[in-house]
Amino acid sequence: MPVPVLPAKQPRAPQPPTVAVDTGRTFPADCSLGESIRLRWSALVEDLRLPEQRQTLMLIAALVVMLMFSYWPGLIRAKESWNNPQYSHGWLVPLFSLVILFWWRQPNRPVSFSARIVGLGLLMTSLAMRLFVARYRIITIDMYTFVPALAGAVLLGGGWSMFRWAWAPVAFLIFMYPLPDEATRYLLGPLQTLATMASTYAIQTLGVDAIREGNQIVVGERHLGVVDACSGLRMLTIFIALSVAIVMLGELSWYENLVILASAIPIALAVNAIRITLTGVMYTIDPDLAEKIFHDWAGYFMMPLALGMLYLVQKLLTNLFVPEETAVATVAPLTGLRVPGLRPAVGMPGGQSAVGNRPHSGVGSAEGLPLPGQIPPVKRTGSAPEQGQKGYSG
């Protein structure tokens, strides 16, 4: 019998070297703050040793430096606005954004062509908008264009992977700028009127004689003026920025984030009205103490009170909306439902459920009684006519 001859094994063509792309870096969640900072700093130093990582960060740094040089007059105006008590929180905004960028940083990935095009388009659109508003000398909008221009630089240099974790800290920089003058003028009047009306009604509800005269509250013989500083605009701007920061840091669902952001405005206005109400009531007890509360001590308890209200809103949402997985895992063993992916309670003595060791309140625990979800069999002792005859017999 002829022996089959196998073809000679062809040498495998050399394969091009593959480059491993980091899909993301995770850090342990149970370590201390100092250890977390050390791990993230070590990861940054390690990434800077790689040429492709270092080139990407150097490109973005060069674009940011050029943008800061171009927007330097607007940045100086923003810094000067921080001297205004209404925007005294402005210097915290860039520090917060830098910390979040450092905390959320991930290794850079290859930048796609679409990211280059969209990033360049966003950068050019921001600069074109700046030229347009500069023609009409709209200074505030000119300052605002720095934020989308910075986002365009991040997308142009770092691609979609970097933009996914960096866009929120970059967009948060908008809170370091003051409101436009027109917006401030339109908001101050209605906010003053609203604060005066709400505070007057609250003082009257507490049993103190008070009437409203314009933006003044007459308590006894004293006139409590609700001036621009008492309109609540300062509290509103600070608390909205703080609510956005809480949404960024909290791992909540989208509807919880939406409710928290929507509740920031009424909470800020309510806290401002509470401040004015307490001051008006204190004028009837101790005018000197009321003066101190109104001008000196009010700012110290307004923010903790607002944060407490926001915490109550968050706890209400947590107890009001239960995740579907948790609800199914809790209810299914009690109702006998068979849910894919949920292990049934098999072999549990005494009618115990899969949730804890509590018996089913006597349901299915006694011998002969059906378990939840089961239909008991019907026992027939005789034929249907016989049962009918027995039922209607004398």
Protein backbone atom coordinates (compact mmCIF):
# COMPACT_ATOMS: atom_id res chain seq x y z
CA MET A 1 0.00 0.00 0.00
CA PRO A 2 1.47 3.34 -0.96
CA VAL A 3 2.16 5.61 1.94
CA PRO A 4 0.52 9.04 1.55
CA VAL A 5 2.97 11.85 1.40
CA LEU A 6 1.95 14.91 3.36
CA PRO A 7 2.78 18.28 1.90
CA ALA A 8 5.67 20.06 3.45
CA LYS A 9 4.71 22.50 6.16
CA GLN A 10 4.96 26.00 4.86
CA PRO A 11 6.72 28.49 7.12
CA ARG A 12 4.32 30.95 8.72
CA ALA A 13 4.63 34.49 7.49
CA PRO A 14 5.93 36.86 10.15
CA GLN A 15 3.09 38.71 11.84
CA PRO A 16 3.39 42.43 12.51
CA PRO A 17 3.94 43.23 16.17
CA THR A 18 0.75 44.04 18.04
CA VAL A 19 0.47 46.97 20.37
CA ALA A 20 -1.45 46.33 23.54
CA VAL A 21 -3.98 49.07 24.18
CA ASP A 22 -4.88 49.72 27.77
CA THR A 23 -8.63 49.55 28.15
CA GLY A 24 -8.67 51.45 31.41
CA ARG A 25 -7.09 51.42 34.82
CA THR A 26 -8.90 50.68 38.03
CA PHE A 27 -7.82 51.41 41.58
CA PRO A 28 -8.90 49.70 44.79
CA ALA A 29 -11.85 51.43 46.41
CA ASP A 30 -11.09 50.37 49.98
CA CYS A 31 -7.73 52.10 50.34
CA SER A 32 -7.16 55.37 52.17
CA LEU A 33 -7.10 58.80 50.56
CA GLY A 34 -3.32 59.07 50.80
CA GLU A 35 -2.86 55.63 49.27
CA SER A 36 -5.26 56.50 46.42
CA ILE A 37 -3.31 59.67 45.66
CA ARG A 38 -0.03 57.76 45.71
CA LEU A 39 -1.34 55.07 43.34
CA ARG A 40 -2.69 57.62 40.87
CA TRP A 41 0.51 59.65 40.95
CA SER A 42 2.59 56.50 40.36
CA ALA A 43 0.34 55.60 37.42
CA LEU A 44 0.81 59.08 35.92
CA VAL A 45 4.60 58.87 36.25
CA GLU A 46 4.56 55.41 34.69
CA ASP A 47 2.48 56.62 31.74
CA LEU A 48 4.79 59.59 31.16
CA ARG A 49 7.65 57.16 30.54
CA LEU A 50 5.86 55.83 27.45
CA PRO A 51 6.53 57.93 24.31
CA GLU A 52 2.96 57.76 22.94
CA GLN A 53 1.44 58.76 26.29
CA ARG A 54 3.93 61.58 26.80
CA GLN A 55 3.42 63.00 23.30
CA THR A 56 -0.36 63.13 23.72
CA LEU A 57 -0.15 64.96 27.04
CA MET A 58 2.48 67.36 25.69
CA LEU A 59 0.24 68.18 22.70
CA ILE A 60 -2.74 68.90 24.93
CA ALA A 61 -0.59 70.96 27.31
CA ALA A 62 0.69 73.06 24.39
CA LEU A 63 -2.85 73.70 23.14
CA VAL A 64 -4.02 74.67 26.64
CA VAL A 65 -1.12 77.08 27.11
CA MET A 66 -1.86 78.77 23.76
CA LEU A 67 -5.54 79.10 24.67
CA MET A 68 -4.71 80.57 28.08
CA PHE A 69 -2.40 83.09 26.41
CA SER A 70 -5.16 84.05 23.97
CA TYR A 71 -7.83 84.30 26.69
CA TRP A 72 -5.60 85.90 29.30
CA PRO A 73 -7.56 89.20 29.53
CA GLY A 74 -10.79 87.27 30.10
CA LEU A 75 -9.16 85.08 32.75
CA ILE A 76 -7.94 88.20 34.56
CA ARG A 77 -11.49 89.63 34.52
CA ALA A 78 -12.81 86.37 35.93
CA LYS A 79 -10.25 86.53 38.74
CA GLU A 80 -11.27 90.11 39.53
CA SER A 81 -14.92 89.07 39.73
CA TRP A 82 -14.02 86.67 42.55
CA ASN A 83 -13.59 89.70 44.82
CA ASN A 84 -17.35 90.14 44.57
CA PRO A 85 -19.03 88.17 47.40
CA GLN A 86 -21.52 86.80 44.90
CA TYR A 87 -18.72 84.97 43.05
CA SER A 88 -16.32 84.36 45.93
CA HIS A 89 -16.48 80.63 45.17
CA GLY A 90 -14.89 81.13 41.74
CA TRP A 91 -11.34 80.31 42.78
CA LEU A 92 -12.46 76.86 43.97
CA VAL A 93 -13.82 75.90 40.53
CA PRO A 94 -10.50 75.44 38.65
CA LEU A 95 -8.99 73.65 41.65
CA PHE A 96 -11.93 71.25 41.75
CA SER A 97 -11.67 70.59 38.00
CA LEU A 98 -7.93 69.87 38.25
CA VAL A 99 -8.47 67.44 41.12
CA ILE A 100 -11.22 65.60 39.23
CA LEU A 101 -9.09 65.42 36.09
CA PHE A 102 -6.25 63.91 38.09
CA TRP A 103 -8.61 61.50 39.87
CA TRP A 104 -10.43 60.31 36.74
CA ARG A 105 -7.42 60.19 34.42
CA GLN A 106 -7.04 57.10 32.24
CA PRO A 107 -4.25 56.06 29.86
CA ASN A 108 -4.45 57.62 26.43
CA ARG A 109 -5.58 55.56 23.46
CA PRO A 110 -4.98 56.07 19.75
CA VAL A 111 -6.87 59.10 18.44
CA SER A 112 -9.27 58.45 15.58
CA PHE A 113 -9.66 60.70 12.58
CA SER A 114 -13.24 61.59 13.53
CA ALA A 115 -12.03 62.83 16.92
CA ARG A 116 -9.47 65.07 15.20
CA ILE A 117 -12.11 66.52 12.88
CA VAL A 118 -14.72 67.12 15.59
CA GLY A 119 -12.16 68.55 18.01
CA LEU A 120 -10.79 70.92 15.39
CA GLY A 121 -14.33 71.96 14.43
CA LEU A 122 -15.26 72.66 18.06
CA LEU A 123 -12.09 74.68 18.55
CA MET A 124 -12.61 76.74 15.40
CA THR A 125 -16.30 77.31 16.22
CA SER A 126 -15.39 78.63 19.67
CA LEU A 127 -12.81 81.02 18.22
CA ALA A 128 -15.27 82.19 15.55
CA MET A 129 -17.89 82.84 18.22
CA ARG A 130 -15.31 84.82 20.15
CA LEU A 131 -14.60 87.03 17.15
CA PHE A 132 -18.33 87.58 16.63
CA VAL A 133 -19.04 88.67 20.24
CA ALA A 134 -15.88 90.78 20.31
CA ARG A 135 -17.31 92.88 17.49
CA TYR A 136 -20.23 93.83 19.76
CA ARG A 137 -18.04 94.00 22.90
CA ILE A 138 -19.91 91.32 24.79
CA ILE A 139 -17.18 90.61 27.31
CA THR A 140 -18.88 87.87 29.34
CA ILE A 141 -19.74 85.69 26.34
CA ASP A 142 -16.18 86.21 25.10
CA MET A 143 -14.95 84.71 28.39
CA TYR A 144 -17.40 81.82 28.17
CA THR A 145 -15.98 80.61 24.81
CA PHE A 146 -12.84 79.51 26.63
CA VAL A 147 -14.64 76.42 27.96
CA PRO A 148 -15.76 74.91 24.59
CA ALA A 149 -12.39 75.85 23.10
CA LEU A 150 -10.68 73.91 25.89
CA ALA A 151 -12.99 70.94 25.29
CA GLY A 152 -12.10 71.06 21.60
CA ALA A 153 -8.39 71.01 22.46
CA VAL A 154 -8.89 67.93 24.67
CA LEU A 155 -10.82 66.13 21.92
CA LEU A 156 -8.31 67.13 19.26
CA GLY A 157 -5.29 65.92 21.22
CA GLY A 158 -6.68 63.06 23.32
CA GLY A 159 -9.48 61.62 21.23
CA TRP A 160 -12.83 60.21 22.29
CA SER A 161 -11.38 58.07 25.08
CA MET A 162 -9.98 61.10 26.91
CA PHE A 163 -13.04 63.23 26.13
CA ARG A 164 -15.35 60.71 27.84
CA TRP A 165 -13.76 61.22 31.27
CA ALA A 166 -12.52 64.81 30.84
CA TRP A 167 -15.53 66.65 29.42
CA ALA A 168 -17.38 67.04 32.74
CA PRO A 169 -14.46 68.65 34.68
CA VAL A 170 -13.77 70.92 31.70
CA ALA A 171 -17.44 71.96 31.43
CA PHE A 172 -17.50 72.66 35.19
CA LEU A 173 -15.10 75.56 34.58
CA ILE A 174 -18.08 77.63 33.39
CA PHE A 175 -18.92 78.30 37.05
CA MET A 176 -15.74 80.31 37.58
CA TYR A 177 -17.12 83.13 35.42
CA PRO A 178 -19.64 85.76 36.53
CA LEU A 179 -23.13 86.02 35.11
CA PRO A 180 -23.69 88.49 32.27
CA ASP A 181 -24.73 91.95 33.45
CA GLU A 182 -28.06 91.71 31.63
CA ALA A 183 -28.86 88.40 33.32
CA THR A 184 -27.98 89.85 36.72
CA ARG A 185 -30.26 92.82 36.21
CA TYR A 186 -33.16 90.65 35.05
CA LEU A 187 -32.79 88.22 37.95
CA LEU A 188 -32.24 90.60 40.86
CA GLY A 189 -35.67 92.26 40.76
CA PRO A 190 -37.82 89.10 40.66
CA LEU A 191 -35.64 87.36 43.23
CA GLN A 192 -35.92 90.31 45.63
CA THR A 193 -39.70 90.39 45.26
CA LEU A 194 -40.00 86.64 45.73
CA ALA A 195 -37.78 86.66 48.83
CA THR A 196 -39.74 89.57 50.33
CA MET A 197 -43.14 87.97 49.72
CA ALA A 198 -42.12 84.53 51.02
CA SER A 199 -40.43 85.94 54.12
CA THR A 200 -43.36 88.24 54.95
CA TYR A 201 -45.82 85.35 54.69
CA ALA A 202 -43.58 83.15 56.87
CA ILE A 203 -43.22 85.86 59.53
CA GLN A 204 -46.99 86.36 59.61
CA THR A 205 -47.49 82.59 59.87
CA LEU A 206 -45.29 82.57 62.98
CA GLY A 207 -47.63 85.07 64.63
CA VAL A 208 -45.56 88.23 64.21
CA ASP A 209 -47.15 91.37 62.77
CA ALA A 210 -45.43 92.11 59.46
CA ILE A 211 -46.41 93.83 56.26
CA ARG A 212 -44.66 94.19 52.93
CA GLU A 213 -43.87 97.59 51.42
CA GLY A 214 -42.09 97.06 48.13
CA ASN A 215 -38.86 95.23 48.91
CA GLN A 216 -39.10 96.07 52.62
CA ILE A 217 -40.66 94.11 55.47
CA VAL A 218 -42.14 96.25 58.25
CA VAL A 219 -41.85 94.34 61.53
CA GLY A 220 -43.30 96.48 64.30
CA GLU A 221 -41.59 99.82 63.98
CA ARG A 222 -38.57 98.51 62.10
CA HIS A 223 -38.08 98.33 58.36
CA LEU A 224 -36.17 95.28 57.15
CA GLY A 225 -34.87 96.01 53.65
CA VAL A 226 -34.31 93.12 51.26
CA VAL A 227 -31.47 94.61 49.22
CA ASP A 228 -29.59 93.10 46.28
CA ALA A 229 -27.32 91.11 48.59
CA CYS A 230 -30.39 89.51 50.20
CA SER A 231 -32.08 88.52 46.94
CA GLY A 232 -30.65 85.00 47.06
CA LEU A 233 -28.73 85.29 43.78
CA ARG A 234 -25.43 84.59 45.52
CA MET A 235 -26.81 81.51 47.23
CA LEU A 236 -28.37 80.42 43.94
CA THR A 237 -25.12 80.59 41.94
CA ILE A 238 -23.06 78.86 44.63
CA PHE A 239 -25.57 76.10 45.31
CA ILE A 240 -26.13 75.28 41.64
CA ALA A 241 -22.38 74.84 41.21
CA LEU A 242 -22.28 72.69 44.34
CA SER A 243 -25.19 70.54 43.13
CA VAL A 244 -23.43 69.92 39.81
CA ALA A 245 -20.30 68.89 41.72
CA ILE A 246 -22.34 66.44 43.81
CA VAL A 247 -23.89 64.95 40.68
CA MET A 248 -20.42 64.54 39.17
CA LEU A 249 -19.05 62.76 42.23
CA GLY A 250 -22.12 60.67 43.11
CA GLU A 251 -22.79 57.41 41.31
CA LEU A 252 -26.52 57.97 40.91
CA SER A 253 -28.95 57.16 38.14
CA TRP A 254 -29.92 59.75 35.57
CA TYR A 255 -33.33 60.55 37.06
CA GLU A 256 -31.80 61.04 40.52
CA ASN A 257 -29.24 63.43 39.05
CA LEU A 258 -32.02 65.29 37.24
CA VAL A 259 -34.08 65.66 40.44
CA ILE A 260 -31.04 66.86 42.42
CA LEU A 261 -30.21 69.50 39.81
CA ALA A 262 -33.84 70.62 39.59
CA SER A 263 -34.14 70.87 43.38
CA ALA A 264 -31.09 73.13 43.68
CA ILE A 265 -33.03 76.27 42.72
CA PRO A 266 -36.02 75.90 45.11
CA ILE A 267 -33.70 74.82 47.95
CA ALA A 268 -31.48 77.88 47.50
CA LEU A 269 -34.49 80.22 47.42
CA ALA A 270 -36.08 78.50 50.44
CA VAL A 271 -32.89 78.78 52.52
CA ASN A 272 -32.61 82.47 51.68
CA ALA A 273 -36.24 83.03 52.73
CA ILE A 274 -35.58 81.16 56.00
CA ARG A 275 -32.65 83.46 56.70
CA ILE A 276 -34.72 86.59 56.21
CA THR A 277 -37.61 85.15 58.24
CA LEU A 278 -35.40 84.32 61.23
CA THR A 279 -33.86 87.77 61.09
CA GLY A 280 -37.29 89.43 61.05
CA VAL A 281 -38.45 87.38 64.02
CA MET A 282 -35.27 88.14 65.94
CA TYR A 283 -35.83 91.88 65.45
CA THR A 284 -38.83 91.57 67.74
CA ILE A 285 -36.72 89.82 70.41
CA ASP A 286 -33.22 91.29 70.29
CA PRO A 287 -32.40 93.82 67.52
CA ASP A 288 -28.64 93.65 68.17
CA LEU A 289 -28.60 89.88 67.87
CA ALA A 290 -30.75 90.10 64.73
CA GLU A 291 -28.22 92.48 63.20
CA LYS A 292 -25.43 90.02 63.86
CA ILE A 293 -27.42 87.12 62.43
CA PHE A 294 -28.40 89.09 59.34
CA HIS A 295 -24.94 90.42 58.49
CA ASP A 296 -22.39 88.20 60.21
CA TRP A 297 -23.65 84.73 61.08
CA ALA A 298 -26.19 83.99 58.35
CA GLY A 299 -23.67 82.74 55.83
CA TYR A 300 -22.39 80.08 58.21
CA PHE A 301 -25.66 78.19 58.55
CA MET A 302 -27.20 78.76 55.11
CA MET A 303 -24.95 76.33 53.24
CA PRO A 304 -25.17 73.49 55.83
CA LEU A 305 -28.95 73.89 55.86
CA ALA A 306 -29.10 73.73 52.07
CA LEU A 307 -26.85 70.66 52.01
CA GLY A 308 -29.06 69.02 54.62
CA MET A 309 -32.14 69.61 52.44
CA LEU A 310 -30.31 68.20 49.42
CA TYR A 311 -29.35 65.14 51.45
CA LEU A 312 -32.99 64.61 52.41
CA VAL A 313 -33.97 64.78 48.73
CA GLN A 314 -31.36 62.17 47.89
CA LYS A 315 -32.52 59.85 50.71
CA LEU A 316 -36.12 60.26 49.56
CA LEU A 317 -35.16 59.23 46.04
CA THR A 318 -33.23 56.23 47.37
CA ASN A 319 -36.24 54.98 49.33
CA LEU A 320 -38.81 55.91 46.69
CA PHE A 321 -37.22 54.23 43.67
CA VAL A 322 -35.97 50.66 44.13
CA PRO A 323 -33.77 49.14 41.39
CA GLU A 324 -35.57 46.46 39.38
CA GLU A 325 -32.96 43.80 40.18
CA THR A 326 -33.33 44.36 43.91
CA ALA A 327 -37.12 44.32 43.74
CA VAL A 328 -37.24 41.09 41.71
CA ALA A 329 -34.69 39.35 43.95
CA THR A 330 -36.76 40.27 47.01
CA VAL A 331 -40.28 39.56 45.74
CA ALA A 332 -39.74 36.53 43.52
CA PRO A 333 -39.02 33.99 46.30
CA LEU A 334 -42.15 35.14 48.16
CA THR A 335 -44.44 34.76 45.16
CA GLY A 336 -42.96 31.60 43.64
CA LEU A 337 -42.00 33.33 40.39
CA ARG A 338 -39.25 31.78 38.33
CA VAL A 339 -36.93 34.53 37.19
CA PRO A 340 -34.06 33.77 34.78
CA GLY A 341 -30.75 34.22 36.54
CA LEU A 342 -32.29 33.99 40.03
CA ARG A 343 -31.53 30.81 41.95
CA PRO A 344 -34.72 29.31 43.40
CA ALA A 345 -34.99 28.50 47.07
CA VAL A 346 -34.52 24.72 46.96
CA GLY A 347 -34.26 22.48 49.97
CA MET A 348 -35.06 25.13 52.58
CA PRO A 349 -36.77 23.56 55.55
CA GLY A 350 -39.74 25.02 57.33
CA GLY A 351 -40.95 27.14 54.42
CA GLN A 352 -38.00 29.54 54.64
CA SER A 353 -37.51 32.00 51.84
CA ALA A 354 -34.42 32.88 49.87
CA VAL A 355 -34.41 36.32 51.47
CA GLY A 356 -33.21 35.85 55.04
CA ASN A 357 -34.34 33.07 57.34
CA ARG A 358 -37.89 34.25 57.96
CA PRO A 359 -40.70 31.74 57.36
CA HIS A 360 -43.55 32.65 55.01
CA SER A 361 -45.95 33.64 57.79
CA GLY A 362 -47.50 30.16 57.71
CA VAL A 363 -47.93 30.07 53.93
CA GLY A 364 -46.67 26.78 52.68
CA SER A 365 -45.07 25.97 56.02
CA ALA A 366 -47.70 23.47 57.16
CA GLU A 367 -47.81 20.05 55.59
CA GLY A 368 -50.37 19.75 52.83
CA LEU A 369 -50.72 23.45 52.13
CA PRO A 370 -49.69 24.65 48.66
CA LEU A 371 -46.53 26.62 48.19
CA PRO A 372 -46.79 30.11 46.69
CA GLY A 373 -47.47 29.96 42.97
CA GLN A 374 -48.89 26.45 43.07
CA ILE A 375 -52.59 25.51 42.51
CA PRO A 376 -53.80 22.83 44.91
CA PRO A 377 -55.32 19.73 43.30
CA VAL A 378 -59.10 19.26 43.60
CA LYS A 379 -60.07 16.03 45.36
CA ARG A 380 -63.31 14.47 44.04
CA THR A 381 -65.11 11.98 46.28
CA GLY A 382 -67.83 11.15 43.88
CA SER A 383 -69.36 11.84 40.51
CA ALA A 384 -70.87 15.16 39.66
CA PRO A 385 -74.53 13.98 39.62
CA GLU A 386 -74.17 12.35 43.02
CA GLN A 387 -72.71 15.54 44.46
CA GLY A 388 -75.51 17.55 42.93
CA GLN A 389 -78.14 15.20 44.34
CA LYS A 390 -76.61 15.37 47.76
CA GLY A 391 -76.52 19.14 47.59
CA TYR A 392 -80.27 19.50 46.86
CA SER A 393 -81.64 16.65 48.95
CA GLY A 394 -83.94 17.47 51.84
